C-alpha cells in the first residue's frame, strides 16, 4: 500500500536532528547570557545615576529627590 504524497516529507520534518538540538541549546545559552549582561548593565547605569545625584552639593529639586530615593530602594532590594 502506497502512502499519499507528502507523508514521508511530513514525517521527516517532524524529527529533529542532533545538530538542530545543539544549535537550539547554544542559542538559549547565549540568550540567557545576553539577558544577564543587560541586567548588569541596567544596574550599573542606575548606580552611576545615583552616584551623580549623591555627589551634587546643591539642594535637589523635589522630583530629583524622589528619583534618588527610588533608585536607593531599587538597588538595596536587588
C-alpha atoms as a PDB file:
ATOM      1  CA  UNK A   1       0.000   0.000   0.000  1.00  0.00           C
ATOM      2  CA  UNK A   2       1.439   3.372  -1.019  1.00  0.00           C
ATOM      3  CA  UNK A   3       1.332   6.412   1.179  1.00  0.00           C
ATOM      4  CA  UNK A   4      -0.153   9.649  -0.083  1.00  0.00           C
ATOM      5  CA  UNK A   5       2.306  12.201  -1.458  1.00  0.00           C
ATOM      6  CA  UNK A   6       3.998  14.279   1.195  1.00  0.00           C
ATOM      7  CA  UNK A   7       3.602  11.856   4.103  1.00  0.00           C
ATOM      8  CA  UNK A   8       7.293  10.934   4.145  1.00  0.00           C
ATOM      9  CA  UNK A   9       8.297  14.579   3.964  1.00  0.00           C
ATOM     10  CA  UNK A  10       5.936  15.458   6.806  1.00  0.00           C
ATOM     11  CA  UNK A  11       7.316  12.668   8.975  1.00  0.00           C
ATOM     12  CA  UNK A  12      10.916  13.646   8.246  1.00  0.00           C
ATOM     13  CA  UNK A  13      10.319  17.300   9.063  1.00  0.00           C
ATOM     14  CA  UNK A  14       8.859  16.310  12.433  1.00  0.00           C
ATOM     15  CA  UNK A  15      12.100  14.695  13.575  1.00  0.00           C
ATOM     16  CA  UNK A  16      14.792  16.984  14.880  1.00  0.00           C
ATOM     17  CA  UNK A  17      18.402  16.252  14.223  1.00  0.00           C
ATOM     18  CA  UNK A  18      21.091  16.370  16.873  1.00  0.00           C
ATOM     19  CA  UNK A  19      22.655  19.387  15.176  1.00  0.00           C
ATOM     20  CA  UNK A  20      19.393  21.331  15.398  1.00  0.00           C
ATOM     21  CA  UNK A  21      19.032  20.468  19.084  1.00  0.00           C
ATOM     22  CA  UNK A  22      22.604  21.550  19.792  1.00  0.00           C
ATOM     23  CA  UNK A  23      22.042  24.786  17.901  1.00  0.00           C
ATOM     24  CA  UNK A  24      18.908  25.477  19.953  1.00  0.00           C
ATOM     25  CA  UNK A  25      20.735  24.767  23.226  1.00  0.00           C
ATOM     26  CA  UNK A  26      23.548  27.103  22.193  1.00  0.00           C
ATOM     27  CA  UNK A  27      21.054  29.790  21.219  1.00  0.00           C
ATOM     28  CA  UNK A  28      19.246  29.522  24.561  1.00  0.00           C
ATOM     29  CA  UNK A  29      22.509  29.698  26.493  1.00  0.00           C
ATOM     30  CA  UNK A  30      23.597  32.779  24.521  1.00  0.00           C
ATOM     31  CA  UNK A  31      20.174  34.347  25.111  1.00  0.00           C
ATOM     32  CA  UNK A  32      20.384  33.795  28.857  1.00  0.00           C
ATOM     33  CA  UNK A  33      23.908  35.261  28.944  1.00  0.00           C
ATOM     34  CA  UNK A  34      22.719  38.299  26.986  1.00  0.00           C
ATOM     35  CA  UNK A  35      19.810  38.806  29.392  1.00  0.00           C
ATOM     36  CA  UNK A  36      22.150  38.604  32.376  1.00  0.00           C
ATOM     37  CA  UNK A  37      24.506  41.069  30.691  1.00  0.00           C
ATOM     38  CA  UNK A  38      21.667  43.520  30.064  1.00  0.00           C
ATOM     39  CA  UNK A  39      20.529  43.225  33.685  1.00  0.00           C
ATOM     40  CA  UNK A  40      24.046  44.012  34.919  1.00  0.00           C
ATOM     41  CA  UNK A  41      24.340  46.977  32.542  1.00  0.00           C
ATOM     42  CA  UNK A  42      20.976  48.314  33.732  1.00  0.00           C
ATOM     43  CA  UNK A  43      22.031  48.008  37.369  1.00  0.00           C
ATOM     44  CA  UNK A  44      25.352  49.746  36.674  1.00  0.00           C
ATOM     45  CA  UNK A  45      23.562  52.558  34.862  1.00  0.00           C
ATOM     46  CA  UNK A  46      21.265  53.093  37.841  1.00  0.00           C
ATOM     47  CA  UNK A  47      24.237  53.055  40.205  1.00  0.00           C
ATOM     48  CA  UNK A  48      26.065  55.700  38.150  1.00  0.00           C
ATOM     49  CA  UNK A  49      22.956  57.896  38.133  1.00  0.00           C
ATOM     50  CA  UNK A  50      22.572  57.513  41.889  1.00  0.00           C
ATOM     51  CA  UNK A  51      26.245  58.341  42.440  1.00  0.00           C
ATOM     52  CA  UNK A  52      25.885  61.530  40.412  1.00  0.00           C
ATOM     53  CA  UNK A  53      22.785  62.526  42.399  1.00  0.00           C
ATOM     54  CA  UNK A  54      24.516  61.865  45.716  1.00  0.00           C
ATOM     55  CA  UNK A  55      27.593  63.842  44.638  1.00  0.00           C
ATOM     56  CA  UNK A  56      25.605  67.026  43.966  1.00  0.00           C
ATOM     57  CA  UNK A  57      26.205  69.637  46.649  1.00  0.00           C
ATOM     58  CA  UNK A  58      23.280  71.968  45.982  1.00  0.00           C
ATOM     59  CA  UNK A  59      19.784  71.050  47.219  1.00  0.00           C
ATOM     60  CA  UNK A  60      17.886  68.773  44.871  1.00  0.00           C
ATOM     61  CA  UNK A  61      14.535  69.552  43.322  1.00  0.00           C
ATOM     62  CA  UNK A  62      11.644  67.534  44.745  1.00  0.00           C
ATOM     63  CA  UNK A  63      11.273  65.189  41.754  1.00  0.00           C
ATOM     64  CA  UNK A  64      15.030  64.563  41.651  1.00  0.00           C
ATOM     65  CA  UNK A  65      14.985  63.732  45.353  1.00  0.00           C
ATOM     66  CA  UNK A  66      12.124  61.291  44.692  1.00  0.00           C
ATOM     67  CA  UNK A  67      14.158  59.682  41.895  1.00  0.00           C
ATOM     68  CA  UNK A  68      17.124  59.382  44.239  1.00  0.00           C
ATOM     69  CA  UNK A  69      15.008  57.644  46.891  1.00  0.00           C
ATOM     70  CA  UNK A  70      13.516  55.316  44.282  1.00  0.00           C
ATOM     71  CA  UNK A  71      16.971  54.347  42.995  1.00  0.00           C
ATOM     72  CA  UNK A  72      18.225  53.700  46.516  1.00  0.00           C
ATOM     73  CA  UNK A  73      15.231  51.460  47.223  1.00  0.00           C
ATOM     74  CA  UNK A  74      15.648  49.524  43.955  1.00  0.00           C
ATOM     75  CA  UNK A  75      19.365  48.984  44.397  1.00  0.00           C
ATOM     76  CA  UNK A  76      19.073  47.946  48.036  1.00  0.00           C
ATOM     77  CA  UNK A  77      16.337  45.391  47.340  1.00  0.00           C
ATOM     78  CA  UNK A  78      18.070  43.698  44.422  1.00  0.00           C
END
